[in-house]
Amino acid sequence: MLKQLITTRLYNATPNEVVSYSHEYQVPINHKQATMLLDFIKQNKIDPFSEKDRLKTFKYIEQKIGSQEAKQASELLYRLAKQYNVDDWL
């Protein structure tokens, strides 16, 4: 049930929220990039708990936003998962 809640939250995120989080966690993404990323996630039906889908998403970030940002986003995801004790889901 918690996985479904997280996935639903991801699919309902707005570009403004992504930009806000990017500033909070120092992963620089502008509004246009956030919109592109969310469109990619929704169009490709990305499952955040699928390693294949996460790698696909990080590759997209690397190509469209930047390699440093992709690396930071990956590190942030694993840090947050560990912080909330859900790292075994990844």
N, C-alpha and C. Protein backbone atom coordinates (compact mmCIF):
# COMPACT_ATOMS: atom_id res chain seq x y z
N MET A 1 0.81 -1.18 0.00
CA MET A 1 0.00 0.00 0.00
C MET A 1 0.87 1.26 0.00
N LEU A 2 1.95 1.25 0.75
CA LEU A 2 2.83 2.42 0.80
C LEU A 2 3.50 2.65 -0.55
N LYS A 3 3.86 1.57 -1.23
CA LYS A 3 4.46 1.70 -2.56
C LYS A 3 3.48 2.38 -3.52
N GLN A 4 2.23 2.00 -3.43
CA GLN A 4 1.21 2.60 -4.30
C GLN A 4 1.05 4.09 -3.98
N LEU A 5 1.09 4.44 -2.72
CA LEU A 5 0.98 5.84 -2.30
C LEU A 5 2.15 6.65 -2.86
N ILE A 6 3.35 6.11 -2.76
CA ILE A 6 4.54 6.79 -3.27
C ILE A 6 4.45 6.97 -4.78
N THR A 7 4.04 5.93 -5.47
CA THR A 7 3.92 6.01 -6.93
C THR A 7 2.86 7.02 -7.33
N THR A 8 1.74 7.02 -6.65
CA THR A 8 0.68 7.99 -6.93
C THR A 8 1.18 9.41 -6.69
N ARG A 9 1.91 9.59 -5.62
CA ARG A 9 2.46 10.92 -5.31
C ARG A 9 3.41 11.38 -6.41
N LEU A 10 4.23 10.47 -6.91
CA LEU A 10 5.15 10.78 -8.00
C LEU A 10 4.39 11.22 -9.24
N TYR A 11 3.36 10.48 -9.59
CA TYR A 11 2.59 10.78 -10.80
C TYR A 11 1.76 12.06 -10.66
N ASN A 12 1.51 12.50 -9.45
CA ASN A 12 0.74 13.73 -9.24
C ASN A 12 1.62 14.93 -8.92
N ALA A 13 2.92 14.75 -8.93
CA ALA A 13 3.83 15.85 -8.65
C ALA A 13 3.73 16.91 -9.76
N THR A 14 3.94 18.15 -9.36
CA THR A 14 3.92 19.25 -10.32
C THR A 14 5.36 19.71 -10.59
N PRO A 15 5.58 20.37 -11.72
CA PRO A 15 6.92 20.91 -11.98
C PRO A 15 7.40 21.85 -10.87
N ASN A 16 6.49 22.66 -10.34
CA ASN A 16 6.88 23.57 -9.26
C ASN A 16 7.37 22.81 -8.03
N GLU A 17 6.72 21.69 -7.72
CA GLU A 17 7.15 20.88 -6.58
C GLU A 17 8.54 20.29 -6.84
N VAL A 18 8.75 19.81 -8.05
CA VAL A 18 10.05 19.23 -8.39
C VAL A 18 11.15 20.29 -8.27
N VAL A 19 10.88 21.48 -8.78
CA VAL A 19 11.86 22.57 -8.68
C VAL A 19 12.12 22.91 -7.21
N SER A 20 11.07 22.97 -6.43
CA SER A 20 11.22 23.25 -5.00
C SER A 20 12.09 22.20 -4.31
N TYR A 21 11.80 20.93 -4.58
CA TYR A 21 12.62 19.86 -4.01
C TYR A 21 14.05 19.92 -4.53
N SER A 22 14.21 20.30 -5.79
CA SER A 22 15.56 20.37 -6.35
C SER A 22 16.40 21.42 -5.61
N HIS A 23 15.77 22.52 -5.26
CA HIS A 23 16.49 23.55 -4.49
C HIS A 23 16.79 23.05 -3.08
N GLU A 24 15.80 22.42 -2.48
CA GLU A 24 15.95 21.91 -1.11
C GLU A 24 17.09 20.90 -1.00
N TYR A 25 17.22 20.05 -2.02
CA TYR A 25 18.23 18.98 -1.97
C TYR A 25 19.43 19.25 -2.87
N GLN A 26 19.55 20.48 -3.36
CA GLN A 26 20.68 20.93 -4.16
C GLN A 26 20.95 20.07 -5.40
N VAL A 27 19.88 19.75 -6.11
CA VAL A 27 19.98 19.10 -7.41
C VAL A 27 19.33 20.07 -8.39
N PRO A 28 20.12 20.93 -9.03
CA PRO A 28 19.54 22.02 -9.81
C PRO A 28 18.75 21.56 -11.04
N ILE A 29 17.45 21.88 -11.02
CA ILE A 29 16.56 21.59 -12.14
C ILE A 29 15.64 22.80 -12.30
N ASN A 30 15.50 23.27 -13.52
CA ASN A 30 14.59 24.40 -13.75
C ASN A 30 13.19 23.89 -14.09
N HIS A 31 12.27 24.82 -14.24
CA HIS A 31 10.86 24.46 -14.46
C HIS A 31 10.68 23.67 -15.75
N LYS A 32 11.33 24.08 -16.81
CA LYS A 32 11.22 23.37 -18.10
C LYS A 32 11.75 21.94 -17.97
N GLN A 33 12.88 21.77 -17.31
CA GLN A 33 13.46 20.44 -17.12
C GLN A 33 12.55 19.58 -16.25
N ALA A 34 11.97 20.16 -15.21
CA ALA A 34 11.06 19.42 -14.34
C ALA A 34 9.84 18.95 -15.11
N THR A 35 9.32 19.80 -15.98
CA THR A 35 8.18 19.44 -16.81
C THR A 35 8.55 18.28 -17.74
N MET A 36 9.71 18.37 -18.38
CA MET A 36 10.17 17.30 -19.26
C MET A 36 10.32 15.99 -18.50
N LEU A 37 10.90 16.06 -17.31
CA LEU A 37 11.12 14.86 -16.50
C LEU A 37 9.80 14.21 -16.09
N LEU A 38 8.87 15.02 -15.63
CA LEU A 38 7.56 14.47 -15.22
C LEU A 38 6.81 13.89 -16.42
N ASP A 39 6.92 14.55 -17.56
CA ASP A 39 6.29 14.02 -18.78
C ASP A 39 6.89 12.66 -19.14
N PHE A 40 8.21 12.56 -19.03
CA PHE A 40 8.90 11.30 -19.31
C PHE A 40 8.43 10.20 -18.37
N ILE A 41 8.35 10.51 -17.09
CA ILE A 41 7.93 9.53 -16.09
C ILE A 41 6.51 9.04 -16.37
N LYS A 42 5.63 9.97 -16.70
CA LYS A 42 4.22 9.60 -16.95
C LYS A 42 4.06 8.86 -18.27
N GLN A 43 4.71 9.34 -19.32
CA GLN A 43 4.58 8.70 -20.64
C GLN A 43 5.16 7.29 -20.65
N ASN A 44 6.22 7.08 -19.88
CA ASN A 44 6.89 5.78 -19.87
C ASN A 44 6.42 4.90 -18.72
N LYS A 45 5.44 5.39 -17.96
CA LYS A 45 4.86 4.63 -16.84
C LYS A 45 5.98 4.07 -15.94
N ILE A 46 6.86 4.98 -15.53
CA ILE A 46 8.01 4.61 -14.72
C ILE A 46 7.55 4.11 -13.35
N ASP A 47 8.07 2.97 -12.97
CA ASP A 47 7.84 2.40 -11.64
C ASP A 47 9.09 2.73 -10.81
N PRO A 48 8.97 3.59 -9.80
CA PRO A 48 10.15 3.99 -9.03
C PRO A 48 10.80 2.84 -8.27
N PHE A 49 10.12 1.71 -8.16
CA PHE A 49 10.65 0.57 -7.42
C PHE A 49 11.30 -0.46 -8.35
N SER A 50 11.28 -0.17 -9.64
CA SER A 50 11.91 -1.05 -10.63
C SER A 50 13.31 -0.51 -10.95
N GLU A 51 14.31 -1.34 -10.74
CA GLU A 51 15.69 -0.91 -11.03
C GLU A 51 15.83 -0.53 -12.51
N LYS A 52 15.22 -1.30 -13.37
CA LYS A 52 15.27 -1.02 -14.81
C LYS A 52 14.68 0.37 -15.11
N ASP A 53 13.54 0.69 -14.52
CA ASP A 53 12.90 1.98 -14.74
C ASP A 53 13.71 3.13 -14.13
N ARG A 54 14.29 2.89 -12.96
CA ARG A 54 15.12 3.94 -12.35
C ARG A 54 16.33 4.24 -13.23
N LEU A 55 16.99 3.20 -13.72
CA LEU A 55 18.14 3.39 -14.60
C LEU A 55 17.75 4.12 -15.88
N LYS A 56 16.60 3.77 -16.41
CA LYS A 56 16.07 4.44 -17.61
C LYS A 56 15.85 5.93 -17.32
N THR A 57 15.33 6.23 -16.15
CA THR A 57 15.06 7.62 -15.76
C THR A 57 16.36 8.39 -15.55
N PHE A 58 17.33 7.78 -14.87
CA PHE A 58 18.60 8.46 -14.65
C PHE A 58 19.35 8.69 -15.96
N LYS A 59 19.21 7.77 -16.90
CA LYS A 59 19.81 7.93 -18.22
C LYS A 59 19.15 9.11 -18.94
N TYR A 60 17.83 9.20 -18.82
CA TYR A 60 17.10 10.32 -19.42
C TYR A 60 17.58 11.64 -18.81
N ILE A 61 17.70 11.67 -17.50
CA ILE A 61 18.18 12.89 -16.82
C ILE A 61 19.57 13.25 -17.33
N GLU A 62 20.42 12.25 -17.44
CA GLU A 62 21.78 12.49 -17.91
C GLU A 62 21.78 13.09 -19.32
N GLN A 63 20.95 12.58 -20.20
CA GLN A 63 20.90 13.05 -21.58
C GLN A 63 20.25 14.42 -21.72
N LYS A 64 19.19 14.65 -20.98
CA LYS A 64 18.39 15.87 -21.17
C LYS A 64 18.73 17.01 -20.21
N ILE A 65 19.27 16.67 -19.04
CA ILE A 65 19.53 17.70 -18.02
C ILE A 65 21.02 17.81 -17.74
N GLY A 66 21.68 16.69 -17.51
CA GLY A 66 23.12 16.71 -17.28
C GLY A 66 23.58 15.52 -16.48
N SER A 67 24.82 15.13 -16.70
CA SER A 67 25.35 13.94 -16.01
C SER A 67 25.52 14.17 -14.52
N GLN A 68 25.93 15.37 -14.14
CA GLN A 68 26.10 15.67 -12.71
C GLN A 68 24.74 15.61 -11.99
N GLU A 69 23.72 16.13 -12.64
CA GLU A 69 22.39 16.12 -12.04
C GLU A 69 21.86 14.69 -11.92
N ALA A 70 22.14 13.85 -12.92
CA ALA A 70 21.71 12.45 -12.85
C ALA A 70 22.40 11.74 -11.69
N LYS A 71 23.68 12.00 -11.53
CA LYS A 71 24.42 11.38 -10.42
C LYS A 71 23.87 11.86 -9.08
N GLN A 72 23.62 13.16 -8.96
CA GLN A 72 23.07 13.71 -7.72
C GLN A 72 21.69 13.15 -7.42
N ALA A 73 20.86 13.04 -8.45
CA ALA A 73 19.51 12.52 -8.27
C ALA A 73 19.55 11.06 -7.80
N SER A 74 20.44 10.29 -8.37
CA SER A 74 20.58 8.89 -7.97
C SER A 74 21.04 8.78 -6.51
N GLU A 75 22.04 9.55 -6.16
CA GLU A 75 22.54 9.55 -4.77
C GLU A 75 21.46 10.00 -3.80
N LEU A 76 20.71 11.02 -4.19
CA LEU A 76 19.64 11.53 -3.33
C LEU A 76 18.56 10.49 -3.11
N LEU A 77 18.16 9.80 -4.17
CA LEU A 77 17.13 8.77 -4.04
C LEU A 77 17.55 7.72 -3.01
N TYR A 78 18.78 7.24 -3.11
CA TYR A 78 19.23 6.19 -2.19
C TYR A 78 19.41 6.73 -0.77
N ARG A 79 19.83 7.98 -0.65
CA ARG A 79 19.95 8.59 0.68
C ARG A 79 18.58 8.71 1.34
N LEU A 80 17.59 9.19 0.59
CA LEU A 80 16.24 9.35 1.14
C LEU A 80 15.61 7.99 1.46
N ALA A 81 15.83 7.01 0.59
CA ALA A 81 15.29 5.67 0.86
C ALA A 81 15.87 5.11 2.15
N LYS A 82 17.16 5.32 2.35
CA LYS A 82 17.80 4.84 3.58
C LYS A 82 17.26 5.60 4.80
N GLN A 83 17.11 6.91 4.65
CA GLN A 83 16.61 7.75 5.74
C GLN A 83 15.23 7.30 6.19
N TYR A 84 14.39 6.88 5.25
CA TYR A 84 13.02 6.47 5.58
C TYR A 84 12.88 4.94 5.70
N ASN A 85 14.01 4.26 5.79
CA ASN A 85 14.05 2.81 5.98
C ASN A 85 13.28 2.02 4.92
N VAL A 86 13.37 2.48 3.69
CA VAL A 86 12.75 1.76 2.58
C VAL A 86 13.80 1.41 1.51
N ASP A 87 15.07 1.46 1.90
CA ASP A 87 16.13 1.20 0.95
C ASP A 87 16.10 -0.24 0.43
N ASP A 88 15.50 -1.15 1.17
CA ASP A 88 15.38 -2.52 0.67
C ASP A 88 14.36 -2.62 -0.46
N TRP A 89 13.54 -1.59 -0.68
CA TRP A 89 12.59 -1.57 -1.78
C TRP A 89 13.28 -1.26 -3.10
N LEU A 90 14.49 -0.70 -3.00
CA LEU A 90 15.21 -0.33 -4.22
C LEU A 90 16.14 -1.43 -4.56
